[in-house]
C-alpha cells in the first residue's frame, strides 16, 4: 500500500513538472513516515553512504572541466585546428563537427555540454559555408552522444558508484562503442557531401595553419593526460579528473584564454550543476533502498524470467524500456530510477555489469534526441534560431544509424569488454 502511494505520488509530481529530485524525495519521505519498522535515521544513512564515495569526487571535477572548456574558448581553438587537418575535403566542416565532438567528449563527459559548446560555434559557421543549418544541428546532436559514452563520462561514474563496478572498466568499455558512433557518422557525412560541391572549405594559408595547430596542441594533450594516466595505472579515474582539471586551468591562465570573470562563471556553473547532480544521486540512493526493501527487483526478475529465460530477448526489452525512460528523463535522473531495478535482473541473466553500463548509458543518451522532450535538439534549435520540427526531421536518419550501433553493441559483448579485460581493469 505504502509503495503504491509512493509511486503514484512520484508519477503525479513528474506529470506536474516538479524537478525529478523532489518528485522522488517527497514520496520517499512519505513512504518512510508510513512504513512500519523503518526510521528517518535509516534514510539519512542511505543518503550519506552514497555521497561518501571517493569515485564520486570525479563528478564535480569533470563538470568543472566541461565548464572551463567553454569559458576558455577551447571549442573555438579545437575547431580551427581540426579545420586545418580536414583542409578542402568536401564536407570538411561536418567532419570537423564529428571530430571536435570526439575530442571534446574526452573533456566534458556530457552530451549537453558538448552540443552547447560546439553548437554555438559550428552552427553559424556551417550556415555561412552553405550547409543546411538543420543538417548541421542534427550532426551536432548525433555526435554529442559520444560524450556520455566516451571517457570521462559523468554517467559512467554514477553507474559505477551505484553498482559498485570499476569506474576505470566502465570508462574503457565505452571507448569502442564511441568510436563506432564516430565511424558511422563519418560514413554518413561522406554519403551526404559527396555530390555537394558547394560544401568545400576555403584553403587556409600555410603560416596560419601551422600557427593554429601549434596553438591547439596543448588542448589535444588533455585527453592523453587523462586516458594515459588511467591506462598506465599512474592514477585512478578520480585522480585523473583532478590532474586534467588542474592541467587545463593552468594552461588557460598561462595562455590568457580565461579571465577571472570567466573563472568565476566556471566555478558558479560547476557548483550549481554539481549540487543538482548530487541531490539527484542522494535521493536516488534512498529510492534504491526502498525498492530493495520492497523486493521490487526480485519480483521484476521473477516476472521477466517467467516470460523468457533468453537473455537476448531480455536485452531487447531492456533497450525498449530504457529508451522510453530516456525520452522523458535526463540521463542522471534516469540512471538512478532504472539501475536499482534492472541491475539485479541483468545479473540473473548473466549479463556483465560493465557491458550493462554501456547499454544503459547509450540508451538514455539517445533519449536526449528522441521525442517528446528532445532536450539536445531543443537546445540546438534555440542556439541556431532554427525550426525545431525541421531539426528533428534532419535527425531521424542519424537516429536510425545510432539505433543500429546500439543493437550491435548490445548483442556483441566483446565490443565493450575487450579493452577492460585486455588492460586488466
Protein backbone atom coordinates (compact mmCIF):
# COMPACT_ATOMS: atom_id res chain seq x y z
CA UNK A 1 0.00 0.00 0.00
CA UNK A 2 2.73 2.45 1.03
CA UNK A 3 4.75 1.60 -2.08
CA UNK A 4 1.81 2.16 -4.43
CA UNK A 5 1.14 5.54 -2.81
CA UNK A 6 4.81 6.47 -3.17
CA UNK A 7 5.00 5.51 -6.86
CA UNK A 8 1.67 7.17 -7.58
CA UNK A 9 2.78 10.36 -5.88
CA UNK A 10 6.03 10.31 -7.83
CA UNK A 11 4.17 9.90 -11.13
CA UNK A 12 1.82 12.80 -10.32
CA UNK A 13 4.70 15.11 -9.37
CA UNK A 14 6.60 14.24 -12.56
CA UNK A 15 3.49 14.96 -14.66
CA UNK A 16 3.23 18.33 -12.87
CA UNK A 17 6.86 19.00 -13.95
CA UNK A 18 8.22 19.06 -10.41
CA UNK A 19 12.05 18.65 -10.55
CA UNK A 20 12.96 14.96 -10.54
CA UNK A 21 14.91 15.13 -7.27
CA UNK A 22 11.92 16.49 -5.36
CA UNK A 23 9.46 14.26 -7.23
CA UNK A 24 11.44 11.30 -5.85
CA UNK A 25 12.26 12.76 -2.42
CA UNK A 26 8.82 13.81 -1.18
CA UNK A 27 7.04 10.47 -1.87
CA UNK A 28 10.06 8.58 -0.48
CA UNK A 29 9.86 10.53 2.79
CA UNK A 30 6.12 9.88 2.86
CA UNK A 31 6.80 6.16 2.46
CA UNK A 32 9.25 6.21 5.39
CA UNK A 33 6.73 8.06 7.55
CA UNK A 34 4.03 5.45 6.85
CA UNK A 35 6.08 2.24 6.63
CA UNK A 36 6.44 0.14 9.79
CA UNK A 37 9.84 -0.66 11.30
CA UNK A 38 11.77 1.96 9.36
CA UNK A 39 13.16 5.21 10.78
CA UNK A 40 14.26 8.50 9.29
CA UNK A 41 17.75 7.70 10.55
CA UNK A 42 17.95 4.89 8.00
CA UNK A 43 17.11 7.36 5.25
CA UNK A 44 19.93 9.66 6.36
CA UNK A 45 22.36 6.72 6.46
CA UNK A 46 21.47 5.65 2.93
CA UNK A 47 21.91 9.15 1.55
CA UNK A 48 25.25 9.81 3.24
CA UNK A 49 26.61 6.34 2.39
CA UNK A 50 26.34 7.03 -1.34
CA UNK A 51 27.79 10.53 -1.14
CA UNK A 52 30.72 9.31 0.98
CA UNK A 53 32.33 7.77 -2.09
CA UNK A 54 35.80 8.53 -3.44
CA UNK A 55 34.91 7.73 -7.10
CA UNK A 56 32.00 10.19 -6.87
CA UNK A 57 34.53 13.01 -6.37
CA UNK A 58 35.27 12.71 -10.08
CA UNK A 59 31.82 14.09 -10.95
CA UNK A 60 32.37 17.74 -9.88
CA UNK A 61 35.86 17.65 -11.39
CA UNK A 62 34.61 16.52 -14.80
CA UNK A 63 31.80 19.08 -14.60
CA UNK A 64 34.44 21.73 -13.87
CA UNK A 65 36.47 20.66 -16.91
CA UNK A 66 33.38 20.98 -19.14
CA UNK A 67 32.58 24.49 -17.91
CA UNK A 68 36.24 25.53 -18.10
CA UNK A 69 36.50 24.34 -21.71
CA UNK A 70 33.51 26.54 -22.52
CA UNK A 71 34.71 29.64 -20.64
CA UNK A 72 38.24 29.42 -22.06
CA UNK A 73 37.01 29.09 -25.63
CA UNK A 74 38.66 25.72 -26.11
CA UNK A 75 35.94 24.72 -28.59
CA UNK A 76 36.93 27.56 -30.95
CA UNK A 77 40.59 26.57 -30.91
CA UNK A 78 39.75 22.90 -31.30
CA UNK A 79 37.51 23.54 -34.32
CA UNK A 80 40.07 25.79 -36.04
CA UNK A 81 42.79 23.16 -35.60
CA UNK A 82 40.59 20.37 -36.96
CA UNK A 83 39.62 22.53 -39.94
CA UNK A 84 43.32 22.75 -40.80
CA UNK A 85 43.53 18.94 -40.73
CA UNK A 86 40.45 18.34 -42.91
CA UNK A 87 41.51 21.07 -45.36
CA UNK A 88 39.50 21.30 -48.57
CA UNK A 89 37.80 17.91 -48.23
CA UNK A 90 34.18 18.11 -49.36
CA UNK A 91 32.01 18.37 -46.26
CA UNK A 92 35.03 19.36 -44.17
CA UNK A 93 33.03 21.34 -41.60
CA UNK A 94 30.75 18.37 -40.99
CA UNK A 95 33.82 16.17 -40.45
CA UNK A 96 35.19 18.84 -38.11
CA UNK A 97 31.91 18.73 -36.19
CA UNK A 98 32.18 14.99 -35.52
CA UNK A 99 35.93 15.09 -34.80
CA UNK A 100 35.50 18.03 -32.43
CA UNK A 101 32.77 16.14 -30.57
CA UNK A 102 35.07 13.14 -30.22
CA UNK A 103 37.88 15.24 -28.73
CA UNK A 104 35.52 17.36 -26.62
CA UNK A 105 33.98 14.15 -25.24
CA UNK A 106 37.31 13.44 -23.56
CA UNK A 107 36.93 16.69 -21.62
CA UNK A 108 33.22 17.24 -20.95
CA UNK A 109 31.66 13.79 -20.47
CA UNK A 110 28.21 15.21 -21.20
CA UNK A 111 26.07 15.38 -24.35
CA UNK A 112 24.51 18.69 -23.33
CA UNK A 113 27.89 20.35 -22.64
CA UNK A 114 29.26 19.01 -25.92
CA UNK A 115 26.36 20.21 -28.06
CA UNK A 116 26.13 23.59 -26.30
CA UNK A 117 29.84 24.40 -26.64
CA UNK A 118 30.27 23.18 -30.21
CA UNK A 119 26.83 24.18 -31.48
CA UNK A 120 27.29 27.84 -30.59
CA UNK A 121 30.43 27.94 -32.76
CA UNK A 122 29.71 25.44 -35.54
CA UNK A 123 26.07 26.17 -36.41
CA UNK A 124 26.71 29.77 -37.58
CA UNK A 125 29.96 28.74 -39.30
CA UNK A 126 28.36 25.85 -41.19
CA UNK A 127 25.42 28.00 -42.22
CA UNK A 128 27.77 30.69 -43.63
CA UNK A 129 29.57 27.99 -45.63
CA UNK A 130 26.46 26.72 -47.40
CA UNK A 131 25.37 23.86 -45.13
CA UNK A 132 21.72 23.26 -44.37
CA UNK A 133 21.52 24.59 -40.78
CA UNK A 134 19.11 21.82 -39.79
CA UNK A 135 21.59 19.19 -41.02
CA UNK A 136 24.31 21.00 -39.04
CA UNK A 137 22.19 20.85 -35.88
CA UNK A 138 21.39 17.17 -36.49
CA UNK A 139 25.07 16.24 -36.89
CA UNK A 140 25.97 18.23 -33.76
CA UNK A 141 23.27 16.43 -31.76
CA UNK A 142 24.17 12.97 -33.05
CA UNK A 143 27.90 13.41 -32.45
CA UNK A 144 27.25 14.68 -28.91
CA UNK A 145 26.09 11.17 -27.97
CA UNK A 146 29.76 10.21 -27.78
CA UNK A 147 30.14 12.46 -24.71
CA UNK A 148 28.45 10.25 -22.08
CA UNK A 149 29.86 7.04 -23.63
CA UNK A 150 33.49 8.04 -24.19
CA UNK A 151 35.58 8.51 -21.03
CA UNK A 152 35.48 10.61 -18.95
CA UNK A 153 31.73 10.18 -18.54
CA UNK A 154 29.71 11.59 -15.66
CA UNK A 155 27.01 8.97 -16.32
CA UNK A 156 29.63 6.20 -16.18
CA UNK A 157 30.84 7.41 -12.78
CA UNK A 158 27.28 7.46 -11.42
CA UNK A 159 26.59 3.98 -12.79
CA UNK A 160 29.83 2.60 -11.35
CA UNK A 161 29.08 4.06 -7.92
CA UNK A 162 25.50 2.75 -7.93
CA UNK A 163 26.56 -0.79 -8.89
CA UNK A 164 29.99 -0.94 -7.18
CA UNK A 165 31.55 -1.56 -10.60
CA UNK A 166 35.07 -0.43 -11.50
CA UNK A 167 34.99 3.15 -12.80
CA UNK A 168 38.05 2.51 -14.98
CA UNK A 169 36.45 -0.58 -16.53
CA UNK A 170 33.22 1.31 -17.23
CA UNK A 171 35.24 4.12 -18.81
CA UNK A 172 37.20 1.78 -21.07
CA UNK A 173 34.09 -0.18 -22.06
CA UNK A 174 32.73 2.94 -23.76
CA UNK A 175 35.75 3.60 -26.00
CA UNK A 176 34.96 1.15 -28.84
CA UNK A 177 31.19 1.95 -28.92
CA UNK A 178 32.00 5.68 -29.08
CA UNK A 179 34.46 5.08 -31.92
CA UNK A 180 31.76 3.06 -33.71
CA UNK A 181 29.47 6.09 -33.49
CA UNK A 182 32.30 8.23 -34.84
CA UNK A 183 32.87 5.93 -37.84
CA UNK A 184 29.14 5.59 -38.58
CA UNK A 185 28.60 9.37 -38.57
CA UNK A 186 31.71 9.91 -40.70
CA UNK A 187 30.37 7.50 -43.33
CA UNK A 188 27.00 9.27 -43.26
CA UNK A 189 28.70 12.63 -43.86
CA UNK A 190 30.66 11.17 -46.77
CA UNK A 191 27.46 9.95 -48.43
CA UNK A 192 25.74 13.28 -47.72
CA UNK A 193 28.53 15.50 -49.05
CA UNK A 194 29.98 13.54 -51.97
CA UNK A 195 27.69 15.15 -54.59
CA UNK A 196 27.52 18.60 -52.96
CA UNK A 197 30.39 20.56 -54.49
CA UNK A 198 29.41 23.70 -52.59
CA UNK A 199 30.42 22.09 -49.28
CA UNK A 200 34.14 22.73 -49.75
CA UNK A 201 36.03 24.96 -47.32
CA UNK A 202 38.49 27.63 -48.42
CA UNK A 203 42.17 26.79 -48.25
CA UNK A 204 43.94 28.04 -45.10
CA UNK A 205 47.33 29.77 -45.62
CA UNK A 206 50.23 27.56 -44.55
CA UNK A 207 51.58 30.03 -41.96
CA UNK A 208 48.16 30.39 -40.33
CA UNK A 209 47.64 26.63 -40.39
CA UNK A 210 50.93 25.96 -38.59
CA UNK A 211 50.19 28.65 -36.00
CA UNK A 212 46.70 27.26 -35.39
CA UNK A 213 47.93 23.69 -34.93
CA UNK A 214 50.73 24.70 -32.55
CA UNK A 215 48.30 26.81 -30.53
CA UNK A 216 45.84 23.94 -30.16
CA UNK A 217 48.41 21.23 -29.42
CA UNK A 218 48.20 21.63 -25.60
CA UNK A 219 44.42 21.08 -25.80
CA UNK A 220 44.90 17.76 -27.59
CA UNK A 221 47.26 16.71 -24.80
CA UNK A 222 44.44 16.85 -22.21
CA UNK A 223 42.85 13.53 -23.32
CA UNK A 224 46.33 12.00 -23.43
CA UNK A 225 46.92 13.05 -19.82
CA UNK A 226 43.53 11.70 -18.75
CA UNK A 227 43.45 8.35 -20.57
CA UNK A 228 47.19 7.78 -20.46
CA UNK A 229 47.23 8.19 -16.70
CA UNK A 230 44.33 5.77 -16.20
CA UNK A 231 45.56 3.16 -18.68
CA UNK A 232 49.12 3.40 -17.40
CA UNK A 233 47.98 2.83 -13.83
CA UNK A 234 49.52 6.14 -12.78
CA UNK A 235 46.33 7.36 -11.12
CA UNK A 236 42.70 6.43 -10.55
CA UNK A 237 39.86 7.97 -12.59
CA UNK A 238 39.17 10.41 -9.74
CA UNK A 239 42.82 11.45 -9.58
CA UNK A 240 42.86 11.68 -13.39
CA UNK A 241 39.92 14.08 -13.22
CA UNK A 242 41.80 16.28 -10.74
CA UNK A 243 45.00 16.25 -12.82
CA UNK A 244 43.12 17.08 -16.04
CA UNK A 245 41.21 19.90 -14.35
CA UNK A 246 44.42 21.40 -12.97
CA UNK A 247 46.23 20.99 -16.31
CA UNK A 248 43.51 22.82 -18.26
CA UNK A 249 43.17 25.51 -15.59
CA UNK A 250 46.92 26.29 -15.57
CA UNK A 251 47.00 26.14 -19.38
CA UNK A 252 44.05 28.53 -19.70
CA UNK A 253 45.65 31.12 -17.42
CA UNK A 254 49.14 30.68 -18.87
CA UNK A 255 47.83 31.26 -22.41
CA UNK A 256 45.45 34.02 -21.24
CA UNK A 257 42.44 32.18 -22.58
CA UNK A 258 40.37 32.88 -19.46
CA UNK A 259 39.80 35.87 -17.20
CA UNK A 260 38.96 35.99 -13.51
CA UNK A 261 35.36 36.66 -14.51
CA UNK A 262 35.44 33.57 -16.70
CA UNK A 263 36.83 31.53 -13.80
CA UNK A 264 34.04 32.82 -11.56
CA UNK A 265 31.42 31.78 -14.13
CA UNK A 266 33.10 28.36 -14.40
CA UNK A 267 33.07 27.82 -10.64
CA UNK A 268 29.49 29.07 -10.30
CA UNK A 269 28.27 26.80 -13.10
CA UNK A 270 30.18 23.85 -11.64
CA UNK A 271 28.71 24.42 -8.17
CA UNK A 272 25.14 24.69 -9.46
CA UNK A 273 25.39 21.61 -11.69
CA UNK A 274 27.20 19.55 -9.05
CA UNK A 275 24.57 20.43 -6.48
CA UNK A 276 21.81 19.28 -8.81
CA UNK A 277 23.58 16.02 -9.72
CA UNK A 278 24.46 15.20 -6.10
CA UNK A 279 20.93 15.94 -4.92
CA UNK A 280 19.57 13.54 -7.53
CA UNK A 281 22.21 10.96 -6.56
CA UNK A 282 21.39 11.16 -2.85
CA UNK A 283 17.63 10.93 -3.43
CA UNK A 284 18.29 8.05 -5.82
CA UNK A 285 20.09 6.19 -3.04
CA UNK A 286 17.02 6.50 -0.83
CA UNK A 287 14.76 5.37 -3.68
CA UNK A 288 17.04 2.38 -4.34
CA UNK A 289 16.84 1.37 -0.67
CA UNK A 290 13.04 1.44 -0.75
CA UNK A 291 12.97 -0.61 -3.96
CA UNK A 292 15.30 -3.19 -2.41
CA UNK A 293 13.28 -3.28 0.84
CA UNK A 294 10.09 -3.98 -1.11
CA UNK A 295 11.95 -6.61 -3.19
CA UNK A 296 10.90 -4.92 -6.43
CA UNK A 297 14.00 -6.07 -8.40
CA UNK A 298 13.43 -9.68 -7.34
CA UNK A 299 9.75 -9.55 -8.25
CA UNK A 300 10.53 -7.93 -11.61
CA UNK A 301 13.20 -10.57 -12.26
CA UNK A 302 10.76 -13.37 -11.44
CA UNK A 303 8.19 -11.85 -13.79
CA UNK A 304 10.64 -11.44 -16.67
CA UNK A 305 12.15 -14.90 -16.29
CA UNK A 306 8.63 -16.34 -16.35
CA UNK A 307 8.17 -14.65 -19.73
CA UNK A 308 11.54 -15.62 -21.18
CA UNK A 309 14.79 -17.12 -19.99
CA UNK A 310 16.60 -15.91 -23.11
CA UNK A 311 18.95 -13.07 -22.18
CA UNK A 312 18.92 -11.72 -25.76
CA UNK A 313 15.17 -11.20 -25.56
CA UNK A 314 15.63 -9.56 -22.17
CA UNK A 315 18.23 -7.19 -23.65
CA UNK A 316 15.79 -6.19 -26.38
CA UNK A 317 13.08 -5.49 -23.80
CA UNK A 318 15.62 -3.59 -21.70
CA UNK A 319 16.58 -1.40 -24.67
CA UNK A 320 12.95 -0.56 -25.38
CA UNK A 321 12.21 0.29 -21.75
CA UNK A 322 15.35 2.41 -21.30
CA UNK A 323 14.66 4.34 -24.49
CA UNK A 324 11.16 5.13 -23.24
CA UNK A 325 12.55 6.31 -19.89
CA UNK A 326 15.26 8.34 -21.64
CA UNK A 327 12.61 10.15 -23.67
CA UNK A 328 11.23 11.87 -20.57
CA UNK A 329 14.09 11.89 -18.02
CA UNK A 330 17.62 13.23 -18.32
CA UNK A 331 20.34 10.54 -18.05
CA UNK A 332 21.42 11.24 -14.44
CA UNK A 333 17.85 11.03 -13.15
CA UNK A 334 17.00 8.03 -15.32
CA UNK A 335 20.08 6.14 -14.12
CA UNK A 336 19.04 6.48 -10.51
CA UNK A 337 15.49 5.32 -11.25
CA UNK A 338 16.31 2.36 -13.51
CA UNK A 339 19.65 0.91 -12.36
CA UNK A 340 18.45 -0.26 -8.90
CA UNK A 341 15.70 -2.25 -10.61
CA UNK A 342 17.44 -3.64 -13.68
CA UNK A 343 20.94 -4.30 -12.35
CA UNK A 344 19.88 -7.31 -10.19
CA UNK A 345 17.75 -8.64 -13.06
CA UNK A 346 20.66 -8.40 -15.50
CA UNK A 347 22.84 -10.31 -13.04
CA UNK A 348 20.29 -13.13 -13.01
CA UNK A 349 20.55 -13.31 -16.81
CA UNK A 350 24.35 -13.44 -16.58
CA UNK A 351 24.97 -10.05 -18.22
CA UNK A 352 28.32 -8.48 -17.36
CA UNK A 353 27.86 -5.31 -15.24
CA UNK A 354 30.34 -3.39 -17.39
CA UNK A 355 28.51 -4.21 -20.62
CA UNK A 356 25.20 -3.38 -18.96
CA UNK A 357 26.56 0.04 -18.01
CA UNK A 358 27.38 0.95 -21.61
CA UNK A 359 24.00 -0.31 -22.86
CA UNK A 360 22.12 1.68 -20.20
CA UNK A 361 24.10 4.89 -20.80
CA UNK A 362 23.82 4.56 -24.60
CA UNK A 363 20.02 4.16 -24.41
CA UNK A 364 19.49 7.04 -22.01
CA UNK A 365 21.72 9.30 -24.10
CA UNK A 366 19.69 8.55 -27.23
CA UNK A 367 16.65 9.63 -25.24
CA UNK A 368 18.03 13.19 -25.33
CA UNK A 369 17.38 13.20 -29.10
CA UNK A 370 14.09 11.30 -29.11
CA UNK A 371 10.58 12.84 -28.89
CA UNK A 372 8.70 14.06 -26.98
CA UNK A 373 11.30 16.06 -24.98
CA UNK A 374 14.38 16.03 -27.29
CA UNK A 375 16.43 18.14 -24.88
CA UNK A 376 19.54 18.36 -27.07
CA UNK A 377 17.56 19.15 -30.22
CA UNK A 378 15.54 21.86 -28.49
CA UNK A 379 18.72 23.49 -27.19
CA UNK A 380 20.39 23.43 -30.62
CA UNK A 381 17.24 24.81 -32.27
CA UNK A 382 17.37 27.73 -29.83
CA UNK A 383 21.11 28.27 -30.29
CA UNK A 384 20.79 28.31 -34.09
CA UNK A 385 17.37 30.03 -34.19
CA UNK A 386 16.02 27.08 -36.16
CA UNK A 387 12.65 25.40 -36.62
CA UNK A 388 12.52 22.50 -34.14
CA UNK A 389 10.41 20.29 -36.42
CA UNK A 390 12.91 20.58 -39.27
CA UNK A 391 15.81 19.85 -36.93
CA UNK A 392 14.00 16.72 -35.73
CA UNK A 393 13.32 15.63 -39.33
CA UNK A 394 17.01 16.04 -40.23
CA UNK A 395 17.95 13.99 -37.15
CA UNK A 396 15.78 10.95 -37.94
CA UNK A 397 18.27 9.24 -40.34
CA UNK A 398 21.02 9.75 -37.77
CA UNK A 399 18.83 8.28 -35.04
CA UNK A 400 18.36 5.22 -37.23
CA UNK A 401 22.14 4.86 -37.56
CA UNK A 402 22.64 5.26 -33.81
CA UNK A 403 19.97 2.64 -33.07
CA UNK A 404 21.81 0.17 -35.32
CA UNK A 405 25.07 0.87 -33.46
CA UNK A 406 23.23 0.40 -30.16
CA UNK A 407 21.92 -3.02 -31.19
CA UNK A 408 25.38 -4.13 -32.32
CA UNK A 409 26.89 -3.01 -29.00
CA UNK A 410 24.07 -4.74 -27.11
CA UNK A 411 24.46 -8.11 -28.80
CA UNK A 412 28.25 -8.21 -29.23
CA UNK A 413 29.63 -8.01 -25.66
CA UNK A 414 33.22 -8.22 -26.89
CA UNK A 415 32.93 -4.64 -28.13
CA UNK A 416 32.57 -3.39 -24.58
CA UNK A 417 34.54 -5.99 -22.64
CA UNK A 418 37.70 -6.43 -24.73
CA UNK A 419 39.54 -3.28 -23.60
CA UNK A 420 38.82 -3.65 -19.86
CA UNK A 421 39.89 -7.32 -19.93
CA UNK A 422 42.92 -6.63 -22.12
CA UNK A 423 44.16 -3.97 -19.71
CA UNK A 424 43.17 -5.88 -16.58
CA UNK A 425 40.82 -3.31 -15.04
